[in-house]
Structure formats: structure tokens, C-alpha cells
Amino acid sequence: MLTDHFPPLGLRLRTPRLELRIPSYEDLGQLAEAALGGIHDPDTMPFAEPWTDQPPDRLALGVVQHNLGQLASWTPEDWGLNLVVVHEGSVVGVQDMRGRRFPATRQVDTGSWLGRAHQGRGIGTEMRAAVLHLAFEGLGAVAAVSAAIEGNRASERVSERLGYRPDGINLIELRGSRAVENRYRLTREGWEAHRRVPVTVTGLEPCLPFFGLGDAEGE
């Protein structure tokens, strides 16, 4: 089986409402449709890389290629775990988590997007809580970082609910103008104090070498 050669394909994160997993080809088709259904108001741009500013055909293809590319470029020293978020049997968005030199740094960074039809129901908080559980409980992380374009209150509220603290700013170019990117950091202590969502992780142990780890941390 393919999971014998790439065990992360068998990794599953489950919360009361969601399942997160590396996408199958069918999942990628649903994910492209979710993106085409809209992610944000076209007059705003919540992403540092404005990848949604594309014609529909290029947008859908880009979603598929980006997620396949993350799998193709995976190494234990620099991995990107892109997980589709499944709610009530449908793919509604993506929650990613990345680690660079993770065995040494024990730090991850996260990003996500959620179709507009599914926003405002706490799904964004629940899906990020799932990968934070994987990071801290499953992989032994000591910190998680995230960023949000100034004015993206939905993302900032998720960070606040989960215990992140402000960690400075970046000035970036966005759609031809200067924009402020607010950085946030979550420590293990902060995560412990704000654990609200029950998360179950299955299929982790054979994945550990792919995250640069030799054996389970915190299990």
C-alpha cells in the first residue's frame, strides 16, 4: 500500500465536528470547488501571497498543484503538512502546518483557509486546534507561530482564543501597496492553558521519521 512508503497519508486528526487528512485526488477536486465558491471578499486580501487573484480556471488548478507540490517536496528537514478539513462529509478548506529543522527548533508555523459558506461557525478555531494538538502533544513542539494581515479579524480571533500572544510585525507588499502582517506566537504553556477542543490523532507513530523524529513524543 502507498501508506507503507509514505505513512503521513494514513494520518488522521479528528475533533467533534471535523476530520483532517492529507487529501486524496477526490478531496483535491472538492477543495478546488470550495476555493471557487469564494474564500473572502474580493475587495480585501487576507493572504500575504494573493493567490486568489486569479481567473477561476487558474485558481482551481493552482489549488490542486500547490497541495500536490507540498507532498512532492516533503523532507524530514523541511516538511509541509497540508490537511484538508472535512465537515459533514464535505471538504471545506485547508489547515496546514510546516516545520523547518523541526528536531532542533521544535517550532511549527500554521496557515489555513476556509470556504466562505463555512465561516463564522467556529470551524476555523477547531481545525487549528487539531494541528496544535498534533504539534504539541504528538510531536513535542515548544512553540507555534502564525501571522495575519492587519484587519483580518477572523484569523486574529482564532489566535486569541487559542492562547497566542503578539510577536511583532512584518511590512510586506500586497497588491502593489504596503501592508502590515501581524505575527503571533503560542508557547506550550499557552497551549496547555487554552486547550478547549478534544482531538484524537491516529496513524502518527509510523509518520514520526517523516517529521524528523525517531519515536513518539508526548504519547
C-alpha atoms as a PDB file:
ATOM      1  CA  MET A   1       0.000   0.000   0.000  1.00  0.00           C
ATOM      2  CA  LEU A   2       1.069   3.571  -0.614  1.00  0.00           C
ATOM      3  CA  THR A   3       0.913   4.349   3.107  1.00  0.00           C
ATOM      4  CA  ASP A   4       3.682   1.766   3.634  1.00  0.00           C
ATOM      5  CA  HIS A   5       6.014   4.070   1.707  1.00  0.00           C
ATOM      6  CA  PHE A   6       4.558   7.425   2.823  1.00  0.00           C
ATOM      7  CA  PRO A   7       2.827   6.932   6.202  1.00  0.00           C
ATOM      8  CA  PRO A   8       1.550  10.539   6.542  1.00  0.00           C
ATOM      9  CA  LEU A   9      -1.156   9.561   4.042  1.00  0.00           C
ATOM     10  CA  GLY A  10      -2.691   7.494   6.851  1.00  0.00           C
ATOM     11  CA  LEU A  11      -2.568  10.262   9.462  1.00  0.00           C
ATOM     12  CA  ARG A  12      -5.972  11.388  10.760  1.00  0.00           C
ATOM     13  CA  LEU A  13      -6.904  14.198  13.143  1.00  0.00           C
ATOM     14  CA  ARG A  14     -10.451  14.191  14.481  1.00  0.00           C
ATOM     15  CA  THR A  15     -12.364  16.756  16.516  1.00  0.00           C
ATOM     16  CA  PRO A  16     -16.066  16.703  17.489  1.00  0.00           C
ATOM     17  CA  ARG A  17     -17.069  18.050  14.054  1.00  0.00           C
ATOM     18  CA  LEU A  18     -14.080  17.638  11.747  1.00  0.00           C
ATOM     19  CA  GLU A  19     -11.637  15.221  10.197  1.00  0.00           C
ATOM     20  CA  LEU A  20      -8.296  16.471   8.883  1.00  0.00           C
ATOM     21  CA  ARG A  21      -6.220  14.386   6.458  1.00  0.00           C
ATOM     22  CA  ILE A  22      -3.813  14.638   3.560  1.00  0.00           C
ATOM     23  CA  PRO A  23      -6.071  14.963   0.516  1.00  0.00           C
ATOM     24  CA  SER A  24      -6.885  12.186  -1.895  1.00  0.00           C
ATOM     25  CA  TYR A  25      -7.428  13.065  -5.545  1.00  0.00           C
ATOM     26  CA  GLU A  26     -11.171  13.216  -4.894  1.00  0.00           C
ATOM     27  CA  ASP A  27     -10.555  15.520  -1.926  1.00  0.00           C
ATOM     28  CA  LEU A  28      -8.494  17.815  -4.153  1.00  0.00           C
ATOM     29  CA  GLY A  29     -11.400  18.101  -6.559  1.00  0.00           C
ATOM     30  CA  GLN A  30     -13.691  19.124  -3.715  1.00  0.00           C
ATOM     31  CA  LEU A  31     -11.073  21.515  -2.392  1.00  0.00           C
ATOM     32  CA  ALA A  32     -10.804  23.263  -5.760  1.00  0.00           C
ATOM     33  CA  GLU A  33     -14.592  23.641  -5.806  1.00  0.00           C
ATOM     34  CA  ALA A  34     -14.527  25.092  -2.290  1.00  0.00           C
ATOM     35  CA  ALA A  35     -11.996  27.694  -3.430  1.00  0.00           C
ATOM     36  CA  LEU A  36     -14.102  28.564  -6.461  1.00  0.00           C
ATOM     37  CA  GLY A  37     -17.064  29.095  -4.138  1.00  0.00           C
ATOM     38  CA  GLY A  38     -15.204  32.014  -2.543  1.00  0.00           C
ATOM     39  CA  ILE A  39     -12.914  32.461   0.436  1.00  0.00           C
ATOM     40  CA  HIS A  40     -13.016  36.196   1.131  1.00  0.00           C
ATOM     41  CA  ASP A  41     -14.479  39.496  -0.021  1.00  0.00           C
ATOM     42  CA  PRO A  42     -12.778  40.311  -3.348  1.00  0.00           C
ATOM     43  CA  ASP A  43     -12.148  43.865  -2.090  1.00  0.00           C
ATOM     44  CA  THR A  44      -9.858  42.549   0.647  1.00  0.00           C
ATOM     45  CA  MET A  45      -6.845  40.234   0.603  1.00  0.00           C
ATOM     46  CA  PRO A  46      -6.159  38.171   3.732  1.00  0.00           C
ATOM     47  CA  PHE A  47      -3.174  36.316   2.258  1.00  0.00           C
ATOM     48  CA  ALA A  48       0.411  37.587   2.084  1.00  0.00           C
ATOM     49  CA  GLU A  49       0.627  35.800  -1.275  1.00  0.00           C
ATOM     50  CA  PRO A  50      -2.532  36.891  -3.156  1.00  0.00           C
ATOM     51  CA  TRP A  51      -3.126  33.505  -4.749  1.00  0.00           C
ATOM     52  CA  THR A  52      -6.879  34.022  -5.008  1.00  0.00           C
ATOM     53  CA  ASP A  53      -6.357  36.888  -7.501  1.00  0.00           C
ATOM     54  CA  GLN A  54      -6.589  34.515 -10.460  1.00  0.00           C
ATOM     55  CA  PRO A  55      -9.199  33.559 -13.065  1.00  0.00           C
ATOM     56  CA  PRO A  56     -11.332  30.602 -11.915  1.00  0.00           C
ATOM     57  CA  ASP A  57      -9.563  28.006 -14.060  1.00  0.00           C
ATOM     58  CA  ARG A  58      -6.130  29.061 -12.839  1.00  0.00           C
ATOM     59  CA  LEU A  59      -7.337  29.270  -9.248  1.00  0.00           C
ATOM     60  CA  ALA A  60      -8.694  25.717  -9.249  1.00  0.00           C
ATOM     61  CA  LEU A  61      -5.583  24.328 -10.944  1.00  0.00           C
ATOM     62  CA  GLY A  62      -3.346  26.231  -8.530  1.00  0.00           C
ATOM     63  CA  VAL A  63      -5.096  24.718  -5.514  1.00  0.00           C
ATOM     64  CA  VAL A  64      -4.520  21.207  -6.868  1.00  0.00           C
ATOM     65  CA  GLN A  65      -0.905  21.813  -7.886  1.00  0.00           C
ATOM     66  CA  HIS A  66       0.056  23.525  -4.637  1.00  0.00           C
ATOM     67  CA  ASN A  67      -1.184  20.660  -2.498  1.00  0.00           C
ATOM     68  CA  LEU A  68       0.455  18.031  -4.683  1.00  0.00           C
ATOM     69  CA  GLY A  69       3.652  20.073  -4.621  1.00  0.00           C
ATOM     70  CA  GLN A  70       3.762  20.036  -0.837  1.00  0.00           C
ATOM     71  CA  LEU A  71       3.768  16.244  -0.898  1.00  0.00           C
ATOM     72  CA  ALA A  72       6.376  16.086  -3.640  1.00  0.00           C
ATOM     73  CA  SER A  73       8.805  18.388  -1.804  1.00  0.00           C
ATOM     74  CA  TRP A  74       8.443  16.809   1.664  1.00  0.00           C
ATOM     75  CA  THR A  75      11.662  16.023   3.532  1.00  0.00           C
ATOM     76  CA  PRO A  76      12.190  15.328   7.260  1.00  0.00           C
ATOM     77  CA  GLU A  77      14.256  18.540   7.412  1.00  0.00           C
ATOM     78  CA  ASP A  78      11.621  20.727   5.726  1.00  0.00           C
ATOM     79  CA  TRP A  79       8.074  19.372   5.723  1.00  0.00           C
ATOM     80  CA  GLY A  80       4.718  20.895   4.944  1.00  0.00           C
ATOM     81  CA  LEU A  81       1.635  19.058   6.183  1.00  0.00           C
ATOM     82  CA  ASN A  82      -1.339  20.281   4.147  1.00  0.00           C
ATOM     83  CA  LEU A  83      -4.546  18.777   5.523  1.00  0.00           C
ATOM     84  CA  VAL A  84      -7.993  19.094   4.025  1.00  0.00           C
ATOM     85  CA  VAL A  85     -10.734  19.866   6.517  1.00  0.00           C
ATOM     86  CA  VAL A  86     -13.793  17.629   6.193  1.00  0.00           C
ATOM     87  CA  HIS A  87     -17.084  18.735   7.758  1.00  0.00           C
ATOM     88  CA  GLU A  88     -20.267  16.694   7.410  1.00  0.00           C
ATOM     89  CA  GLY A  89     -18.676  14.663   4.619  1.00  0.00           C
ATOM     90  CA  SER A  90     -17.521  17.629   2.509  1.00  0.00           C
ATOM     91  CA  VAL A  91     -14.114  19.261   2.100  1.00  0.00           C
ATOM     92  CA  VAL A  92     -14.482  22.839   3.330  1.00  0.00           C
ATOM     93  CA  GLY A  93     -10.918  24.165   3.480  1.00  0.00           C
ATOM     94  CA  VAL A  94      -7.265  23.569   4.338  1.00  0.00           C
ATOM     95  CA  GLN A  95      -5.248  23.630   7.537  1.00  0.00           C
ATOM     96  CA  ASP A  96      -1.510  23.448   7.054  1.00  0.00           C
ATOM     97  CA  MET A  97       1.425  23.125   9.397  1.00  0.00           C
ATOM     98  CA  ARG A  98       5.091  23.436   8.492  1.00  0.00           C
ATOM     99  CA  GLY A  99       8.310  22.525  10.245  1.00  0.00           C
ATOM    100  CA  ARG A 100      11.830  23.576   9.241  1.00  0.00           C
ATOM    101  CA  ARG A 101      14.669  21.812  11.060  1.00  0.00           C
ATOM    102  CA  PHE A 102      11.974  20.746  13.497  1.00  0.00           C
ATOM    103  CA  PRO A 103      14.029  18.320  15.632  1.00  0.00           C
ATOM    104  CA  ALA A 104      16.242  21.258  16.610  1.00  0.00           C
ATOM    105  CA  THR A 105      13.773  24.161  16.662  1.00  0.00           C
ATOM    106  CA  ARG A 106      10.635  22.327  17.843  1.00  0.00           C
ATOM    107  CA  GLN A 107       8.668  25.173  16.269  1.00  0.00           C
ATOM    108  CA  VAL A 108       5.885  24.976  13.682  1.00  0.00           C
ATOM    109  CA  ASP A 109       4.017  27.582  11.706  1.00  0.00           C
ATOM    110  CA  THR A 110       0.456  27.268  10.516  1.00  0.00           C
ATOM    111  CA  GLY A 111      -1.837  28.690   7.871  1.00  0.00           C
ATOM    112  CA  SER A 112      -5.338  27.964   6.677  1.00  0.00           C
ATOM    113  CA  TRP A 113      -8.288  28.910   4.561  1.00  0.00           C
ATOM    114  CA  LEU A 114     -11.973  28.093   4.785  1.00  0.00           C
ATOM    115  CA  GLY A 115     -14.738  28.488   2.210  1.00  0.00           C
ATOM    116  CA  ARG A 116     -16.977  31.481   2.940  1.00  0.00           C
ATOM    117  CA  ALA A 117     -20.068  29.281   3.213  1.00  0.00           C
ATOM    118  CA  HIS A 118     -18.492  27.599   6.244  1.00  0.00           C
ATOM    119  CA  GLN A 119     -17.127  30.637   8.039  1.00  0.00           C
ATOM    120  CA  GLY A 120     -18.493  32.083  11.260  1.00  0.00           C
ATOM    121  CA  ARG A 121     -19.261  28.711  12.876  1.00  0.00           C
ATOM    122  CA  GLY A 122     -16.092  28.086  14.873  1.00  0.00           C
ATOM    123  CA  ILE A 123     -14.642  25.687  12.317  1.00  0.00           C
ATOM    124  CA  GLY A 124     -11.511  27.796  11.911  1.00  0.00           C
ATOM    125  CA  THR A 125     -10.760  27.530  15.628  1.00  0.00           C
ATOM    126  CA  GLU A 126     -11.475  23.801  15.704  1.00  0.00           C
ATOM    127  CA  MET A 127      -9.247  22.962  12.734  1.00  0.00           C
ATOM    128  CA  ARG A 128      -6.291  24.943  14.040  1.00  0.00           C
ATOM    129  CA  ALA A 129      -6.756  23.378  17.479  1.00  0.00           C
ATOM    130  CA  ALA A 130      -6.405  19.984  15.770  1.00  0.00           C
ATOM    131  CA  VAL A 131      -2.957  20.686  14.300  1.00  0.00           C
ATOM    132  CA  LEU A 132      -1.801  22.373  17.506  1.00  0.00           C
ATOM    133  CA  HIS A 133      -2.643  19.181  19.366  1.00  0.00           C
ATOM    134  CA  LEU A 134      -0.606  17.235  16.836  1.00  0.00           C
ATOM    135  CA  ALA A 135       2.294  19.672  17.202  1.00  0.00           C
ATOM    136  CA  PHE A 136       2.455  19.910  20.989  1.00  0.00           C
ATOM    137  CA  GLU A 137       1.086  16.563  22.131  1.00  0.00           C
ATOM    138  CA  GLY A 138       2.166  14.358  19.246  1.00  0.00           C
ATOM    139  CA  LEU A 139       5.435  15.914  18.035  1.00  0.00           C
ATOM    140  CA  GLY A 140       6.752  17.626  21.166  1.00  0.00           C
ATOM    141  CA  ALA A 141       6.723  21.187  19.831  1.00  0.00           C
ATOM    142  CA  VAL A 142       7.643  24.048  22.146  1.00  0.00           C
ATOM    143  CA  ALA A 143       6.148  26.861  20.045  1.00  0.00           C
ATOM    144  CA  ALA A 144       3.766  27.551  17.173  1.00  0.00           C
ATOM    145  CA  VAL A 145       3.676  30.748  15.135  1.00  0.00           C
ATOM    146  CA  SER A 146       1.082  32.277  12.848  1.00  0.00           C
ATOM    147  CA  ALA A 147       0.536  35.539  11.010  1.00  0.00           C
ATOM    148  CA  ALA A 148      -2.417  37.599   9.832  1.00  0.00           C
ATOM    149  CA  ILE A 149      -2.702  40.597   7.550  1.00  0.00           C
ATOM    150  CA  GLU A 150      -3.808  43.596   9.611  1.00  0.00           C
ATOM    151  CA  GLY A 151      -7.589  43.775   9.500  1.00  0.00           C
ATOM    152  CA  ASN A 152      -8.113  40.007   9.190  1.00  0.00           C
ATOM    153  CA  ARG A 153     -10.014  39.811  12.462  1.00  0.00           C
ATOM    154  CA  ALA A 154     -11.278  36.287  11.846  1.00  0.00           C
ATOM    155  CA  SER A 155      -7.732  34.908  11.868  1.00  0.00           C
ATOM    156  CA  GLU A 156      -6.693  37.123  14.765  1.00  0.00           C
ATOM    157  CA  ARG A 157      -9.654  35.981  16.854  1.00  0.00           C
ATOM    158  CA  VAL A 158      -8.731  32.338  16.307  1.00  0.00           C
ATOM    159  CA  SER A 159      -5.204  33.053  17.531  1.00  0.00           C
ATOM    160  CA  GLU A 160      -6.512  34.920  20.567  1.00  0.00           C
ATOM    161  CA  ARG A 161      -8.933  32.121  21.521  1.00  0.00           C
ATOM    162  CA  LEU A 162      -6.180  29.525  21.338  1.00  0.00           C
ATOM    163  CA  GLY A 163      -3.726  31.435  23.543  1.00  0.00           C
ATOM    164  CA  TYR A 164      -1.328  33.072  21.063  1.00  0.00           C
ATOM    165  CA  ARG A 165       0.376  36.312  22.001  1.00  0.00           C
ATOM    166  CA  PRO A 166       1.510  39.176  19.717  1.00  0.00           C
ATOM    167  CA  ASP A 167       5.028  38.626  18.375  1.00  0.00           C
ATOM    168  CA  GLY A 168       5.787  41.731  16.307  1.00  0.00           C
ATOM    169  CA  ILE A 169       5.005  42.768  12.742  1.00  0.00           C
ATOM    170  CA  ASN A 170       6.298  42.468   9.194  1.00  0.00           C
ATOM    171  CA  LEU A 171       5.882  45.081   6.470  1.00  0.00           C
ATOM    172  CA  ILE A 172       5.061  43.424   3.172  1.00  0.00           C
ATOM    173  CA  GLU A 173       3.985  44.355  -0.341  1.00  0.00           C
ATOM    174  CA  LEU A 174       0.428  43.313  -1.109  1.00  0.00           C
ATOM    175  CA  ARG A 175      -1.445  44.162  -4.308  1.00  0.00           C
ATOM    176  CA  GLY A 176       1.105  46.866  -5.030  1.00  0.00           C
ATOM    177  CA  SER A 177       0.859  48.593  -1.649  1.00  0.00           C
ATOM    178  CA  ARG A 178       2.465  48.286   1.769  1.00  0.00           C
ATOM    179  CA  ALA A 179       0.611  46.111   4.257  1.00  0.00           C
ATOM    180  CA  VAL A 180       1.182  45.142   7.875  1.00  0.00           C
ATOM    181  CA  GLU A 181       1.407  41.470   8.771  1.00  0.00           C
ATOM    182  CA  ASN A 182       0.857  40.821  12.486  1.00  0.00           C
ATOM    183  CA  ARG A 183       2.784  37.878  13.933  1.00  0.00           C
ATOM    184  CA  TYR A 184       1.563  35.676  16.783  1.00  0.00           C
ATOM    185  CA  ARG A 185       3.325  33.068  18.943  1.00  0.00           C
ATOM    186  CA  LEU A 186       1.914  30.251  21.054  1.00  0.00           C
ATOM    187  CA  THR A 187       4.071  28.572  23.690  1.00  0.00           C
ATOM    188  CA  ARG A 188       3.493  25.121  25.114  1.00  0.00           C
ATOM    189  CA  GLU A 189       2.323  26.748  28.361  1.00  0.00           C
ATOM    190  CA  GLY A 190      -0.158  28.913  26.479  1.00  0.00           C
ATOM    191  CA  TRP A 191      -1.467  25.911  24.595  1.00  0.00           C
ATOM    192  CA  GLU A 192      -1.905  23.929  27.804  1.00  0.00           C
ATOM    193  CA  ALA A 193      -3.892  26.787  29.327  1.00  0.00           C
ATOM    194  CA  HIS A 194      -6.240  27.124  26.331  1.00  0.00           C
ATOM    195  CA  ARG A 195      -6.966  23.509  25.389  1.00  0.00           C
ATOM    196  CA  ARG A 196     -10.707  23.504  24.740  1.00  0.00           C
ATOM    197  CA  VAL A 197     -11.201  21.200  21.742  1.00  0.00           C
ATOM    198  CA  PRO A 198     -10.866  17.414  22.171  1.00  0.00           C
ATOM    199  CA  VAL A 199      -8.631  15.980  19.443  1.00  0.00           C
ATOM    200  CA  THR A 200      -7.879  12.382  18.524  1.00  0.00           C
ATOM    201  CA  VAL A 201      -4.802  11.559  16.412  1.00  0.00           C
ATOM    202  CA  THR A 202      -4.439   8.194  14.684  1.00  0.00           C
ATOM    203  CA  GLY A 203      -1.706   6.838  12.453  1.00  0.00           C
ATOM    204  CA  LEU A 204       1.044   9.018  13.921  1.00  0.00           C
ATOM    205  CA  GLU A 205       3.698   6.552  15.051  1.00  0.00           C
ATOM    206  CA  PRO A 206       4.884   5.389  11.585  1.00  0.00           C
ATOM    207  CA  CYS A 207       4.970   9.045  10.485  1.00  0.00           C
ATOM    208  CA  LEU A 208       7.473  10.215  13.094  1.00  0.00           C
ATOM    209  CA  PRO A 209      10.627   9.707  10.968  1.00  0.00           C
ATOM    210  CA  PHE A 210       8.976  11.840   8.265  1.00  0.00           C
ATOM    211  CA  PHE A 211       8.739  14.673  10.794  1.00  0.00           C
ATOM    212  CA  GLY A 212      12.428  14.193  11.637  1.00  0.00           C
ATOM    213  CA  LEU A 213      11.685  12.292  14.843  1.00  0.00           C
ATOM    214  CA  GLY A 214      12.792   8.824  15.834  1.00  0.00           C
ATOM    215  CA  ASP A 215       9.998   7.949  18.237  1.00  0.00           C
ATOM    216  CA  ALA A 216       6.833   9.283  19.764  1.00  0.00           C
ATOM    217  CA  GLU A 217       6.906  12.498  21.740  1.00  0.00           C
ATOM    218  CA  GLY A 218       4.282  13.007  24.383  1.00  0.00           C
ATOM    219  CA  GLU A 219       2.164   9.978  23.523  1.00  0.00           C
END
